[in-house]
Amino acid sequence: METSRRSFLKAGVLGALVLAAGGGIYRATQAPNPQRFVLDGEARAALGAIVPAILAGALPAGAAERQAAIAATLDGVHTAVSNLPLSVQKEVQDLFGLLALAPARRLLTGIAGGWAQASDTEVAAFLQDWRLHRFALLRTAYGALHDLSLGAWYAQPASWSAIGYPGPLKELS
């Protein structure tokens, strides 16, 4: 059976109307209830792949120390986001939700397999693409990932010596 252009367009419009109606019904029946930020599962794996790409050169060389530093940074990102207003937590949760969802990850980042299989080169390439993207939304998402990762890294006293920061001033008695 051959499909004409007109029947194809009709099916597209009908599909869009059905999706819009379904979305409207869902929003009408579900009360907005912002949830607290949770970094787990594939979202944690995504950040686990992103942090080493952003902190390239700053992480310890030893495998055990490197993994411990990445885990501490992931925990720091979770803590930082958990202390933001609920509306901002929701936005960050949505970003990690997109990165965790396989079709969205493939489309937005170009990473075909899961985050655990992504190479540092692939992750660095996607981050560079988002950093310079023509869409402001992806540039903003890159900025959020960048700032959260670096903020969590440099909030750890273990990373201060590398930049010559002596730590907070101590009061003299």
Protein backbone atom coordinates (compact mmCIF):
# COMPACT_ATOMS: atom_id res chain seq x y z
CA MET A 1 0.00 0.00 0.00
CA GLU A 2 1.38 3.37 -1.01
CA THR A 3 1.00 6.38 1.26
CA SER A 4 0.28 9.77 -0.23
CA ARG A 5 1.75 12.96 1.11
CA ARG A 6 -1.68 14.14 2.21
CA SER A 7 -2.46 10.98 4.24
CA PHE A 8 1.02 11.11 5.79
CA LEU A 9 0.45 14.72 6.92
CA LYS A 10 -3.01 13.86 8.25
CA ALA A 11 -1.56 10.99 10.28
CA GLY A 12 1.16 13.30 11.64
CA VAL A 13 -1.33 15.97 12.69
CA LEU A 14 -3.63 13.36 14.24
CA GLY A 15 -0.71 11.84 16.15
CA ALA A 16 0.36 15.26 17.42
CA LEU A 17 -3.19 16.00 18.61
CA VAL A 18 -3.41 12.66 20.42
CA LEU A 19 -0.08 13.28 22.14
CA ALA A 20 -1.10 16.82 23.11
CA ALA A 21 -4.44 15.60 24.49
CA GLY A 22 -2.70 12.80 26.43
CA GLY A 23 -0.20 15.26 27.88
CA GLY A 24 -3.00 17.65 28.84
CA ILE A 25 -4.96 14.90 30.56
CA TYR A 26 -1.86 13.72 32.40
CA ARG A 27 -1.05 17.22 33.63
CA ALA A 28 -4.66 17.81 34.69
CA THR A 29 -4.81 14.61 36.73
CA GLN A 30 -1.34 14.77 38.27
CA ALA A 31 -0.66 17.42 40.88
CA PRO A 32 2.79 18.98 40.52
CA ASN A 33 4.83 17.59 43.37
CA PRO A 34 8.50 18.51 43.16
CA GLN A 35 10.68 15.71 44.42
CA ARG A 36 14.10 16.01 46.01
CA PHE A 37 17.08 15.39 43.74
CA VAL A 38 18.32 11.81 43.55
CA LEU A 39 21.50 10.83 41.72
CA ASP A 40 21.35 7.10 41.14
CA GLY A 41 21.43 4.42 38.47
CA GLU A 42 22.25 5.50 34.93
CA ALA A 43 22.24 9.19 35.94
CA ARG A 44 25.07 8.49 38.39
CA ALA A 45 26.87 6.51 35.68
CA ALA A 46 26.48 9.50 33.32
CA LEU A 47 28.02 11.85 35.84
CA GLY A 48 30.67 9.23 36.57
CA ALA A 49 31.70 9.42 32.91
CA ILE A 50 31.39 13.22 32.68
CA VAL A 51 33.43 14.12 35.79
CA PRO A 52 36.72 12.54 34.56
CA ALA A 53 36.33 14.32 31.21
CA ILE A 54 35.80 17.69 32.89
CA LEU A 55 38.54 17.11 35.47
CA ALA A 56 41.05 15.72 32.96
CA GLY A 57 44.52 16.32 34.35
CA ALA A 58 43.33 17.20 37.85
CA LEU A 59 42.47 13.69 39.02
CA PRO A 60 45.04 11.52 40.79
CA ALA A 61 47.04 9.13 38.58
CA GLY A 62 46.56 5.98 40.67
CA ALA A 63 43.47 3.95 39.81
CA ALA A 64 42.23 3.57 43.40
CA GLU A 65 42.83 7.23 44.24
CA ARG A 66 41.21 8.28 40.96
CA GLN A 67 38.06 6.22 41.66
CA ALA A 68 37.87 7.57 45.22
CA ALA A 69 38.22 11.16 43.93
CA ILE A 70 35.50 10.62 41.32
CA ALA A 71 33.17 9.05 43.91
CA ALA A 72 33.77 11.96 46.30
CA THR A 73 33.04 14.42 43.48
CA LEU A 74 29.81 12.60 42.60
CA ASP A 75 28.76 12.78 46.24
CA GLY A 76 29.67 16.47 46.26
CA VAL A 77 27.49 17.13 43.21
CA HIS A 78 24.62 15.30 44.89
CA THR A 79 25.06 17.36 48.06
CA ALA A 80 25.31 20.63 46.12
CA VAL A 81 22.18 19.99 44.08
CA SER A 82 20.28 18.74 47.13
CA ASN A 83 20.81 22.14 48.76
CA LEU A 84 19.31 24.08 45.84
CA PRO A 85 15.64 25.13 45.67
CA LEU A 86 13.26 22.32 44.65
CA SER A 87 12.51 23.95 41.28
CA VAL A 88 16.22 23.97 40.40
CA GLN A 89 16.62 20.41 41.69
CA LYS A 90 13.84 19.38 39.29
CA GLU A 91 15.63 21.01 36.36
CA VAL A 92 18.89 19.24 37.20
CA GLN A 93 16.98 15.97 37.70
CA ASP A 94 15.43 16.45 34.24
CA LEU A 95 18.90 16.98 32.72
CA PHE A 96 20.21 13.77 34.28
CA GLY A 97 17.02 12.00 33.26
CA LEU A 98 17.70 12.91 29.63
CA LEU A 99 21.30 11.78 29.91
CA ALA A 100 20.16 8.48 31.44
CA LEU A 101 17.46 7.74 28.85
CA ALA A 102 19.05 5.71 26.03
CA PRO A 103 17.30 7.32 23.02
CA ALA A 104 17.86 10.84 24.37
CA ARG A 105 21.48 10.03 25.24
CA ARG A 106 22.08 8.75 21.72
CA LEU A 107 20.40 11.73 20.08
CA LEU A 108 21.79 14.48 22.31
CA THR A 109 25.28 13.18 23.06
CA GLY A 110 26.04 10.72 20.27
CA ILE A 111 27.02 8.07 22.82
CA ALA A 112 25.53 4.81 21.58
CA GLY A 113 26.22 2.42 24.47
CA GLY A 114 25.68 3.04 28.13
CA TRP A 115 27.74 5.56 30.07
CA ALA A 116 29.85 2.80 31.59
CA GLN A 117 31.07 1.86 28.09
CA ALA A 118 31.65 5.44 26.91
CA SER A 119 35.27 6.33 26.26
CA ASP A 120 36.85 9.49 27.64
CA THR A 121 37.23 10.71 24.05
CA GLU A 122 33.50 10.26 23.30
CA VAL A 123 32.50 12.04 26.49
CA ALA A 124 34.96 14.90 25.89
CA ALA A 125 33.64 15.26 22.32
CA PHE A 126 30.02 15.48 23.45
CA LEU A 127 30.93 18.02 26.15
CA GLN A 128 32.82 20.14 23.62
CA ASP A 129 29.85 19.94 21.26
CA TRP A 130 27.47 21.11 23.98
CA ARG A 131 29.88 23.85 25.08
CA LEU A 132 29.83 25.39 21.60
CA HIS A 133 26.35 24.32 20.48
CA ARG A 134 24.13 26.74 18.58
CA PHE A 135 21.24 26.02 20.97
CA ALA A 136 21.52 27.98 24.19
CA LEU A 137 19.76 25.20 26.12
CA LEU A 138 22.59 22.74 25.46
CA ARG A 139 25.22 25.38 26.25
CA THR A 140 23.40 26.00 29.55
CA ALA A 141 23.28 22.26 30.27
CA TYR A 142 27.02 22.06 29.60
CA GLY A 143 27.58 24.98 31.96
CA ALA A 144 25.58 23.25 34.68
CA LEU A 145 27.53 19.99 34.32
CA HIS A 146 30.83 21.88 34.21
CA ASP A 147 30.13 24.10 37.21
CA LEU A 148 28.65 21.31 39.34
CA SER A 149 31.62 19.04 38.63
CA LEU A 150 34.29 21.67 39.25
CA GLY A 151 32.47 23.09 42.26
CA ALA A 152 32.20 19.66 43.87
CA TRP A 153 35.86 18.93 43.07
CA TYR A 154 37.29 22.14 44.48
CA ALA A 155 35.03 21.99 47.54
CA GLN A 156 37.09 19.01 48.70
CA PRO A 157 40.10 19.89 50.88
CA ALA A 158 42.13 17.16 49.11
CA SER A 159 42.09 19.17 45.87
CA TRP A 160 43.20 22.49 47.39
CA SER A 161 46.94 21.83 47.40
CA ALA A 162 47.01 21.38 43.62
CA ILE A 163 45.95 25.01 43.16
CA GLY A 164 47.91 26.42 46.07
CA TYR A 165 44.87 27.20 48.20
CA PRO A 166 45.82 27.00 51.87
CA GLY A 167 42.25 26.62 53.06
CA PRO A 168 39.99 29.00 54.93
CA LEU A 169 41.64 31.55 57.17
CA LYS A 170 41.78 30.60 60.79
CA GLU A 171 40.90 33.06 63.49
CA LEU A 172 43.70 34.09 65.76
CA SER A 173 42.98 33.94 69.47
